[in-house]
Protein backbone atom coordinates (compact mmCIF):
# COMPACT_ATOMS: atom_id res chain seq x y z
CA MET A 1 86.22 -84.37 -16.09
CA LYS A 2 89.34 -85.76 -17.76
CA LYS A 3 87.47 -87.05 -20.80
CA PRO A 4 85.63 -84.33 -22.78
CA PHE A 5 81.93 -84.86 -23.38
CA GLU A 6 80.43 -85.27 -26.80
CA ARG A 7 77.90 -82.43 -27.13
CA PHE A 8 74.44 -82.56 -28.68
CA ASP A 9 74.39 -80.85 -32.07
CA MET A 10 71.86 -78.12 -31.31
CA ALA A 11 72.50 -76.32 -34.61
CA LYS A 12 71.57 -79.22 -36.87
CA GLU A 13 68.89 -78.21 -39.35
CA PRO A 14 65.34 -79.37 -38.50
CA VAL A 15 64.20 -82.39 -40.49
CA ARG A 16 60.87 -82.40 -42.29
CA THR A 17 58.84 -85.37 -41.04
CA LYS A 18 59.51 -88.38 -43.24
CA TRP A 19 56.40 -89.16 -45.28
CA TYR A 20 56.29 -92.75 -44.07
CA LEU A 21 56.40 -91.64 -40.42
CA LYS A 22 53.34 -89.38 -40.60
CA PRO A 23 50.76 -92.20 -40.35
CA ILE A 24 52.89 -93.82 -37.63
CA THR A 25 52.73 -90.71 -35.45
CA LYS A 26 48.95 -90.70 -35.79
CA LEU A 27 48.79 -94.43 -35.08
CA LEU A 28 50.87 -94.04 -31.91
CA SER A 29 48.43 -91.40 -30.70
CA ALA A 30 45.37 -93.53 -31.47
CA PRO A 31 45.17 -95.53 -28.18
CA ASP A 32 45.00 -92.37 -26.07
CA MET A 33 42.52 -90.85 -28.48
CA LEU A 34 40.28 -93.89 -28.00
CA ILE A 35 40.67 -93.96 -24.22
CA HIS A 36 40.25 -90.25 -23.55
CA ARG A 37 38.08 -89.29 -26.54
CA PRO A 38 39.17 -85.62 -26.46
CA TYR A 39 36.47 -83.24 -27.61
CA ILE A 40 38.26 -80.72 -29.82
CA ARG A 41 36.63 -77.37 -30.47
CA ARG A 42 37.90 -75.44 -33.47
CA HIS A 43 37.70 -71.66 -33.46
CA GLY A 44 38.58 -70.16 -36.83
CA THR A 45 40.97 -72.98 -37.70
CA ASN A 46 38.91 -75.06 -40.13
CA GLU A 47 40.58 -73.40 -43.11
CA LEU A 48 43.99 -72.92 -41.48
CA LYS A 49 46.84 -74.27 -43.59
CA PRO A 50 50.60 -74.32 -43.01
CA PRO A 51 52.86 -72.55 -42.53
CA TYR A 52 51.84 -71.26 -39.11
CA LEU A 53 53.00 -71.11 -35.50
CA LEU A 54 51.13 -73.34 -33.04
CA LEU A 55 51.49 -72.53 -29.33
CA CYS A 56 50.31 -75.24 -26.90
CA ASN A 57 49.85 -75.44 -23.15
CA HIS A 58 51.73 -78.16 -21.32
CA ASN A 59 50.32 -80.49 -18.67
CA ALA A 60 51.22 -84.02 -19.75
CA PHE A 61 52.77 -86.06 -22.55
CA MET A 62 49.28 -86.42 -23.99
CA ASP A 63 49.54 -82.78 -25.13
CA PHE A 64 51.78 -83.96 -27.98
CA LYS A 65 49.32 -86.66 -29.00
CA VAL A 66 46.39 -84.27 -29.22
CA ALA A 67 48.51 -81.83 -31.21
CA THR A 68 49.40 -84.64 -33.63
CA GLN A 69 45.72 -85.40 -34.16
CA VAL A 70 44.77 -81.75 -34.61
CA ILE A 71 47.33 -80.95 -37.32
CA PHE A 72 47.30 -84.28 -39.23
CA PRO A 73 48.17 -84.79 -42.10
CA HIS A 74 50.32 -81.66 -42.21
CA SER A 75 54.02 -81.67 -41.33
CA ALA A 76 55.24 -80.05 -38.14
CA ASN A 77 58.41 -79.53 -36.16
CA TYR A 78 58.06 -79.73 -32.37
CA VAL A 79 60.37 -78.02 -29.90
CA VAL A 80 61.31 -80.70 -27.34
CA ALA A 81 63.59 -80.56 -24.27
CA ILE A 82 66.83 -82.52 -24.53
CA ASP A 83 65.79 -85.15 -21.96
CA GLY A 84 63.01 -86.14 -24.37
CA PHE A 85 65.68 -87.19 -26.88
CA ILE A 86 67.44 -89.66 -24.56
CA GLY A 87 67.93 -92.95 -26.40
CA ARG A 88 65.80 -91.92 -29.39
CA GLU A 89 67.52 -88.97 -31.02
CA GLY A 90 67.32 -90.43 -34.51
CA LEU A 91 63.61 -91.14 -34.28
CA LEU A 92 62.73 -87.74 -32.82
CA ARG A 93 64.76 -85.86 -35.39
CA ASN A 94 63.07 -87.81 -38.19
CA VAL A 95 59.57 -87.02 -36.91
CA GLY A 96 60.53 -83.35 -36.86
CA CYS A 97 61.61 -82.58 -33.30
CA ILE A 98 63.94 -79.68 -32.50
CA CYS A 99 66.04 -79.88 -29.33
CA LYS A 100 66.02 -77.13 -26.69
CA ARG A 101 67.62 -76.74 -23.28
CA LYS A 102 65.02 -75.34 -20.92
CA PHE A 103 64.94 -71.66 -19.98
CA THR A 104 67.97 -70.65 -22.03
CA SER A 105 68.06 -67.79 -24.54
CA ASP A 106 68.76 -69.72 -27.72
CA LEU A 107 69.17 -67.74 -30.95
CA VAL A 108 69.85 -70.98 -32.84
CA LEU A 109 66.30 -72.11 -32.05
CA VAL A 110 64.89 -68.94 -33.60
CA ARG A 111 66.81 -69.65 -36.79
CA GLN A 112 65.51 -73.22 -36.82
CA LEU A 113 61.91 -72.08 -36.38
CA LYS A 114 62.37 -69.69 -39.30
CA ARG A 115 63.57 -72.63 -41.40
CA VAL A 116 60.45 -74.63 -40.43
CA ILE A 117 58.28 -71.78 -41.71
CA GLU A 118 60.37 -71.47 -44.88
CA ASN A 119 59.74 -75.19 -45.47
CA GLY A 120 56.00 -74.45 -45.39
CA ASP A 121 55.40 -76.44 -42.20
CA ILE A 122 53.97 -75.90 -38.71
CA ALA A 123 56.24 -74.76 -35.88
CA VAL A 124 54.89 -76.26 -32.62
CA VAL A 125 56.11 -74.58 -29.43
CA TYR A 126 55.22 -75.18 -25.77
CA PRO A 127 56.05 -71.71 -24.39
CA GLU A 128 55.48 -72.62 -20.73
CA ALA A 129 58.55 -74.88 -21.20
CA ARG A 130 57.56 -77.36 -18.48
CA TYR A 131 54.60 -79.32 -17.20
CA SER A 132 52.29 -77.21 -15.06
CA LEU A 133 52.74 -78.12 -11.38
CA CYS A 134 49.04 -77.83 -10.51
CA GLY A 135 47.15 -77.57 -13.79
CA THR A 136 47.22 -73.79 -14.16
CA THR A 137 49.02 -71.40 -16.49
CA ALA A 138 52.76 -71.02 -16.05
CA VAL A 139 54.55 -67.77 -16.88
CA LEU A 140 55.16 -67.09 -20.59
CA PRO A 141 58.30 -65.52 -22.06
CA SER A 142 57.85 -61.90 -23.17
CA SER A 143 59.81 -62.75 -26.33
CA LEU A 144 56.76 -64.55 -27.76
CA GLY A 145 55.38 -61.43 -29.40
CA LYS A 146 58.70 -60.71 -31.09
CA LEU A 147 58.93 -64.32 -32.29
CA CYS A 148 55.47 -64.06 -33.87
CA LYS A 149 56.45 -60.87 -35.66
CA MET A 150 59.69 -62.41 -36.88
CA LEU A 151 58.02 -65.54 -38.27
CA ASN A 152 55.22 -63.44 -39.82
CA VAL A 153 52.71 -66.28 -40.22
CA PRO A 154 49.33 -67.04 -38.64
CA VAL A 155 49.43 -67.86 -34.92
CA ALA A 156 47.16 -70.52 -33.40
CA THR A 157 46.86 -71.91 -29.88
CA LEU A 158 45.96 -75.38 -28.67
CA ILE A 159 44.80 -75.30 -25.05
CA CYS A 160 44.03 -78.73 -23.64
CA HIS A 161 41.79 -79.23 -20.60
CA GLY A 162 41.93 -82.23 -18.31
CA HIS A 163 45.42 -83.52 -19.05
CA HIS A 164 46.69 -82.51 -15.61
CA VAL A 165 43.64 -84.03 -13.93
CA ASN A 166 44.16 -87.23 -15.92
CA SER A 167 47.89 -87.57 -15.28
CA PRO A 168 49.23 -84.88 -12.92
CA PHE A 169 52.92 -84.08 -12.87
CA TRP A 170 53.12 -85.23 -9.24
CA ASN A 171 51.48 -88.64 -9.89
CA LEU A 172 51.61 -89.74 -13.52
CA HIS A 173 49.14 -92.64 -13.25
CA ASP A 174 46.61 -92.35 -16.09
CA ARG A 175 43.09 -91.85 -14.69
CA GLY A 176 41.37 -92.60 -18.02
CA ILE A 177 39.11 -89.54 -18.06
CA ARG A 178 37.70 -87.79 -21.11
CA THR A 179 39.45 -84.52 -22.01
CA GLU A 180 38.84 -81.44 -24.13
CA ALA A 181 40.84 -78.98 -26.22
CA ASP A 182 40.40 -75.61 -27.91
CA PHE A 183 42.22 -75.12 -31.22
CA THR A 184 42.01 -71.37 -31.90
CA LEU A 185 43.31 -69.00 -34.54
CA GLN A 186 44.68 -66.06 -32.58
CA PHE A 187 46.16 -64.02 -35.45
CA THR A 188 46.04 -64.20 -39.22
CA GLN A 189 49.22 -63.18 -41.02
CA LYS A 190 47.74 -59.71 -41.57
CA GLY A 191 46.81 -59.61 -37.90
CA VAL A 192 50.41 -60.31 -36.94
CA GLU A 193 51.64 -57.59 -39.29
CA LYS A 194 49.23 -55.00 -37.84
CA SER A 195 49.89 -55.87 -34.19
CA THR A 196 52.77 -54.84 -31.94
CA PRO A 197 54.69 -57.48 -29.96
CA GLU A 198 53.01 -56.13 -26.82
CA GLN A 199 49.53 -56.56 -28.31
CA ILE A 200 50.37 -60.11 -29.38
CA ASN A 201 51.70 -60.93 -25.92
CA LYS A 202 48.55 -59.63 -24.26
CA ALA A 203 46.34 -61.75 -26.52
CA LEU A 204 48.44 -64.86 -25.90
CA VAL A 205 48.42 -64.40 -22.12
CA ASN A 206 44.62 -64.23 -22.29
CA ALA A 207 44.49 -67.32 -24.52
CA PHE A 208 46.64 -69.30 -22.08
CA GLN A 209 44.39 -68.79 -19.06
CA TYR A 210 43.35 -72.27 -17.96
CA ASP A 211 42.72 -74.15 -14.72
CA ASP A 212 42.35 -77.91 -14.93
CA PHE A 213 40.85 -78.29 -11.46
CA ASP A 214 38.28 -75.59 -12.16
CA TRP A 215 37.52 -77.36 -15.45
CA GLN A 216 37.13 -80.66 -13.57
CA ALA A 217 34.67 -79.22 -11.06
CA LYS A 218 32.59 -77.40 -13.68
CA SER A 219 32.51 -80.36 -16.07
CA GLY A 220 31.66 -82.82 -13.29
CA THR A 221 34.58 -85.06 -14.26
CA LYS A 222 35.01 -87.65 -11.52
CA VAL A 223 38.30 -89.42 -10.79
CA THR A 224 37.77 -92.73 -9.00
CA TYR A 225 41.46 -93.63 -8.74
CA LYS A 226 42.00 -94.61 -5.10
CA LYS A 227 45.48 -93.06 -4.89
CA ARG A 228 44.47 -89.79 -6.50
CA ALA A 229 46.08 -87.61 -3.79
CA GLU A 230 49.41 -89.45 -3.59
CA GLY A 231 52.24 -87.13 -4.51
CA LEU A 232 50.21 -83.94 -4.04
CA HIS A 233 52.39 -82.98 -1.07
CA LYS A 234 55.23 -82.39 -3.54
CA VAL A 235 53.32 -79.33 -4.76
CA LEU A 236 51.56 -78.42 -1.51
CA TYR A 237 54.66 -78.49 0.69
CA GLN A 238 53.48 -75.99 3.36
CA CYS A 239 50.69 -76.62 5.85
CA PRO A 240 48.04 -73.86 5.86
CA ASN A 241 46.94 -74.88 9.34
CA CYS A 242 50.24 -74.55 11.22
CA GLY A 243 52.44 -72.94 8.56
CA THR A 244 55.14 -75.61 8.76
CA GLU A 245 57.12 -76.29 5.59
CA TYR A 246 58.39 -79.65 4.29
CA GLU A 247 56.27 -81.74 6.71
CA MET A 248 53.41 -82.51 4.31
CA ASP A 249 52.78 -86.04 3.06
CA SER A 250 50.06 -87.91 1.19
CA LYS A 251 48.57 -91.36 0.84
CA GLY A 252 45.56 -92.71 -1.00
CA GLU A 253 42.91 -89.99 -1.15
CA GLU A 254 44.43 -87.84 1.61
CA ILE A 255 47.11 -85.19 2.09
CA PHE A 256 48.22 -84.44 5.65
CA CYS A 257 50.68 -82.52 7.82
CA LYS A 258 53.01 -84.65 9.92
CA HIS A 259 53.73 -81.68 12.20
CA CYS A 260 50.21 -80.74 13.37
CA GLY A 261 48.31 -83.82 12.18
CA LYS A 262 45.68 -82.04 10.08
CA ARG A 263 44.32 -84.03 7.14
CA TRP A 264 42.44 -83.22 3.96
CA ARG A 265 40.64 -85.54 1.56
CA MET A 266 40.77 -85.06 -2.21
CA THR A 267 37.28 -85.69 -3.58
CA ARG A 268 36.45 -87.36 -6.87
CA LEU A 269 35.91 -83.87 -8.31
CA GLY A 270 39.43 -82.80 -7.37
CA GLU A 271 38.45 -80.60 -4.42
CA LEU A 272 39.91 -80.69 -0.91
CA GLN A 273 37.92 -81.23 2.28
CA ALA A 274 39.42 -81.03 5.77
CA LEU A 275 38.57 -84.11 7.81
CA GLU A 276 38.31 -81.88 10.89
CA GLY A 277 38.00 -78.14 11.32
CA GLU A 278 38.20 -75.45 8.66
CA THR A 279 38.95 -76.27 5.03
CA GLU A 280 41.48 -73.55 4.26
CA PHE A 281 41.55 -74.26 0.53
CA THR A 282 39.10 -76.38 -1.41
CA HIS A 283 40.84 -75.44 -4.67
CA ILE A 284 44.33 -76.95 -5.06
CA PRO A 285 45.75 -74.05 -7.15
CA SER A 286 44.63 -71.60 -4.42
CA TRP A 287 46.82 -73.44 -1.88
CA TYR A 288 49.69 -73.32 -4.37
CA GLU A 289 49.26 -69.57 -4.91
CA TRP A 290 49.19 -69.06 -1.13
CA GLU A 291 52.60 -70.71 -0.99
CA ARG A 292 53.76 -68.35 -3.74
CA GLU A 293 52.62 -65.35 -1.69
CA ASN A 294 54.65 -66.62 1.26
CA VAL A 295 57.74 -67.06 -0.93
CA ARG A 296 57.22 -63.56 -2.36
CA ALA A 297 57.18 -62.16 1.17
CA GLU A 298 60.52 -63.87 1.90
CA VAL A 299 62.00 -62.45 -1.30
CA GLU A 300 60.71 -58.93 -0.60
CA ALA A 301 62.19 -59.13 2.91
CA GLY A 302 65.53 -60.27 1.44
CA LYS A 303 65.40 -63.46 3.48
CA TYR A 304 64.93 -66.23 0.91
CA ASP A 305 67.65 -68.88 1.20
CA SER A 306 67.42 -72.63 0.68
CA GLY A 307 70.55 -73.12 2.77
CA GLU A 308 73.43 -75.27 1.57
CA LEU A 309 72.15 -78.65 0.42
CA PRO A 310 74.34 -81.69 -0.29
CA VAL A 311 73.62 -82.91 -3.82
CA HIS A 312 74.68 -85.32 -6.50
CA VAL A 313 74.67 -84.08 -10.08
CA ASP A 314 73.99 -85.92 -13.34
CA THR A 315 74.96 -84.21 -16.57
CA LEU A 316 73.25 -84.54 -19.96
CA PRO A 317 75.69 -83.16 -22.56
CA ASN A 318 74.08 -85.25 -25.32
CA ALA A 319 71.05 -87.47 -25.83
CA LYS A 320 72.70 -90.81 -25.13
CA LYS A 321 72.28 -91.03 -21.36
CA PHE A 322 72.79 -89.22 -18.09
CA ILE A 323 76.36 -89.25 -16.82
CA ARG A 324 77.20 -88.97 -13.12
CA LEU A 325 79.17 -85.75 -12.80
CA GLY A 326 79.87 -85.93 -9.09
CA ASN A 327 78.85 -84.71 -5.64
CA GLY A 328 78.71 -81.24 -4.19
CA THR A 329 76.40 -78.59 -2.80
CA LEU A 330 73.48 -76.53 -4.06
CA ARG A 331 72.38 -73.20 -2.66
CA HIS A 332 69.49 -71.11 -3.95
CA ASP A 333 69.36 -67.65 -2.42
CA MET A 334 68.69 -64.00 -3.18
CA THR A 335 71.47 -63.99 -5.78
CA GLY A 336 70.45 -67.12 -7.71
CA PHE A 337 71.58 -70.75 -8.01
CA HIS A 338 75.06 -71.85 -6.91
CA VAL A 339 76.29 -75.40 -7.53
CA HIS A 340 79.81 -76.45 -6.52
CA GLY A 341 81.36 -79.86 -6.26
CA THR A 342 83.98 -82.41 -7.25
CA ASP A 343 83.51 -84.70 -10.23
CA VAL A 344 84.27 -88.41 -10.41
CA ASP A 345 87.84 -87.64 -11.51
CA GLY A 346 88.46 -85.36 -8.54
CA ASP A 347 88.21 -82.12 -10.52
CA PRO A 348 86.04 -79.20 -9.36
CA PHE A 349 82.81 -78.25 -11.12
CA ASP A 350 80.73 -75.11 -10.73
CA MET A 351 77.55 -73.56 -12.11
CA GLU A 352 76.42 -70.06 -11.17
CA ILE A 353 73.04 -68.84 -12.45
CA PRO A 354 72.29 -65.27 -11.35
CA VAL A 355 68.72 -64.10 -10.80
CA PRO A 356 68.46 -61.85 -13.91
CA SER A 357 69.30 -64.74 -16.25
CA LEU A 358 66.58 -67.19 -15.16
CA TYR A 359 62.87 -66.33 -15.02
CA SER A 360 61.71 -69.87 -14.20
CA VAL A 361 63.19 -73.32 -13.66
CA HIS A 362 62.30 -76.91 -14.46
CA ILE A 363 61.98 -79.37 -11.57
CA GLU A 364 61.21 -83.07 -11.34
CA TYR A 365 59.49 -85.16 -8.67
CA GLU A 366 60.90 -88.65 -8.06
CA TYR A 367 62.51 -88.56 -11.49
CA LEU A 368 62.07 -91.85 -13.36
CA GLY A 369 60.65 -93.32 -10.16
CA LYS A 370 64.01 -93.83 -8.48
CA TYR A 371 66.19 -90.74 -8.53
CA GLY A 372 64.27 -88.40 -6.21
CA ASP A 373 63.34 -84.74 -6.63
CA CYS A 374 65.68 -82.53 -8.60
CA VAL A 375 66.30 -79.12 -10.12
CA ASP A 376 67.16 -79.02 -13.83
CA LEU A 377 69.78 -76.31 -14.46
CA ASN A 378 70.90 -75.47 -17.99
CA THR A 379 73.49 -73.69 -20.04
CA LEU A 380 73.48 -73.63 -23.83
CA GLU A 381 75.86 -76.61 -23.83
CA ASP A 382 74.86 -78.70 -20.84
CA THR A 383 72.04 -79.74 -18.52
CA TRP A 384 72.62 -80.62 -14.89
CA TYR A 385 70.02 -82.65 -13.02
CA THR A 386 70.82 -81.62 -9.45
CA TYR A 387 69.45 -83.89 -6.72
CA PRO A 388 69.44 -82.74 -3.08
CA GLU A 389 70.22 -85.72 -0.87
CA PRO A 390 67.11 -86.97 1.00
CA ASP A 391 69.03 -87.38 4.26
CA GLY A 392 70.26 -83.76 4.15
CA PRO A 393 68.42 -80.61 5.31
CA ALA A 394 64.71 -80.37 4.48
CA PHE A 395 63.93 -78.77 1.12
CA SER A 396 61.29 -78.40 -1.56
CA VAL A 397 62.08 -78.12 -5.25
CA THR A 398 58.60 -76.59 -5.67
CA LYS A 399 59.62 -73.74 -3.39
CA MET A 400 62.79 -73.28 -5.45
CA ALA A 401 60.67 -73.05 -8.60
CA LEU A 402 58.38 -70.46 -7.02
CA ALA A 403 61.35 -68.52 -5.65
CA THR A 404 63.07 -68.48 -9.05
CA GLU A 405 60.08 -66.68 -10.54
CA GLU A 406 59.55 -64.34 -7.61
CA LEU A 407 63.26 -63.41 -7.50
CA TYR A 408 63.15 -62.59 -11.20
CA PHE A 409 59.98 -60.51 -10.84
CA ALA A 410 61.53 -58.63 -7.89
CA HIS A 411 64.67 -57.96 -9.92
CA ARG A 412 62.63 -56.53 -12.78
CA ARG A 413 60.73 -54.27 -10.38
CA ALA A 414 63.98 -53.13 -8.83
CA ILE A 415 65.44 -51.99 -12.17
CA GLY A 416 62.23 -50.17 -13.11
CA LYS A 417 61.11 -52.69 -15.73
CA PRO A 418 58.36 -54.73 -14.05
CA CYS A 419 57.03 -57.73 -15.92
CA GLU A 420 53.60 -57.52 -17.47
CA PRO A 421 51.03 -59.89 -15.88
CA GLY A 422 51.61 -63.46 -17.05
CA LEU A 423 54.94 -62.64 -18.72
CA ALA A 424 58.61 -62.78 -17.83
C-alpha cells in the first residue's frame, strides 16, 4: 500500500501487573466463577511460589479467568495473540500481557519470558496457540522442553475441563455448566535441571491429554441449550455416510448432510445419535479424527489441494483495528499456503508460507459474527485474516487446518526426522 503501516512494538519489555489492577482482574473473573463454580484440584501446587512457568490448555476465553483465580494474588505475564489486543493495547500491557503472532518462531518472545522470570513473576503460556476445534488436545511445539530448560524454574500445568462443552469454538453461546480444572506441578526447578528437553516434552504431552466430550459423558454434565449443535458442521465438514465434503449443515440439536439427507442428533450429554440407520460416530472427536485420516491419505497420495479460492484479506499490523488490504486468491496445496492479490491502492501483495515453516494454523468460524470463516496467516511483522468468498468454490478452513498439520508431519517423515507423538 502507498501509506506504510504502523507496526506493533513486539519488542517492548513486558510490564509487571500494576498493583491496583490485580484486584480488578480477579473481580472481572468473579461472575464466571460464580456461574460455573469451577472445581479446582491442586496437585503439588499448594506451596508453589513464583517465579514459575504455567502452561495452560486452551478451549475458551474462560481459560484466562480460571488461571487468574488460580494464581491470585501473584503477578503474571500472559502470552496473548495480537487480535486480543485490538482496541485495548494499553490495558492488556498494564495487566501483564505479552503479544505474539500465532505459529511464528519468535526469539523476542523467549527474551521477554526470561525477563518475566527475572522479575520473579509467573510466565503464563498457552502452547496449543489456538482454541481447540473439538475439545481435545492440539499439537504442542517441540521447543517447549528447551524453553523449560532455558527458564530453569518450576513448571506447572493448568488443564481445564468443560470449557469447550460450555462455549465451543464453533458456537460461543455460554451454556452455564459447572467446570473443573487440574493445577499440577510437573517439574520442580531441580526436576527441570535433571531432565532432558525430550523428557520434559514427553511429560507435558501426557499432561495435556484431555477430551472435553469424554469428560462431559463421564461426569454426566447435561447441556439443555436448544441450539447446542448449531455450528458443529464447521468442524464436522465431511459426511461419514456418503463421504461428501462441504455439504454438512446444522440447526438446533441436529447436524445433517444436505447431499444424502442423513441426520444426527446431539444429545444433552454431547453424544451423537443417527435419526435413522447406523450411528457412525457417537463421539464428536472420533468423527473429527476420521476426517484427519482422510486428509492424511490425500497428503500421502500427493493429491491435497484446496484449489484457487477468491478471497479478501484484512491485515493487522498493529492493535488498533483491522485494515482492508485488498482482494486476491488463496491456494493451499502440497507446497503450503499461497496468497496473491491487489491492494486497495492497486499494488500487488503476496504471502508464501512453505510447508516446513508452519506446523499448524489458526482459523476462525464466522469471525465476529459477520465476516465469515477465515485462515489467519502470520509473519513476524503482520497478520493476514484471509477470507474465502462464500460464493466461490466450496471449502473448509477446518480441512486446511488439518492439512497444515498433516503436511508438516509428512515433511518431517520425508526428511528422516518424524515428529514425536503430540509434538511438532
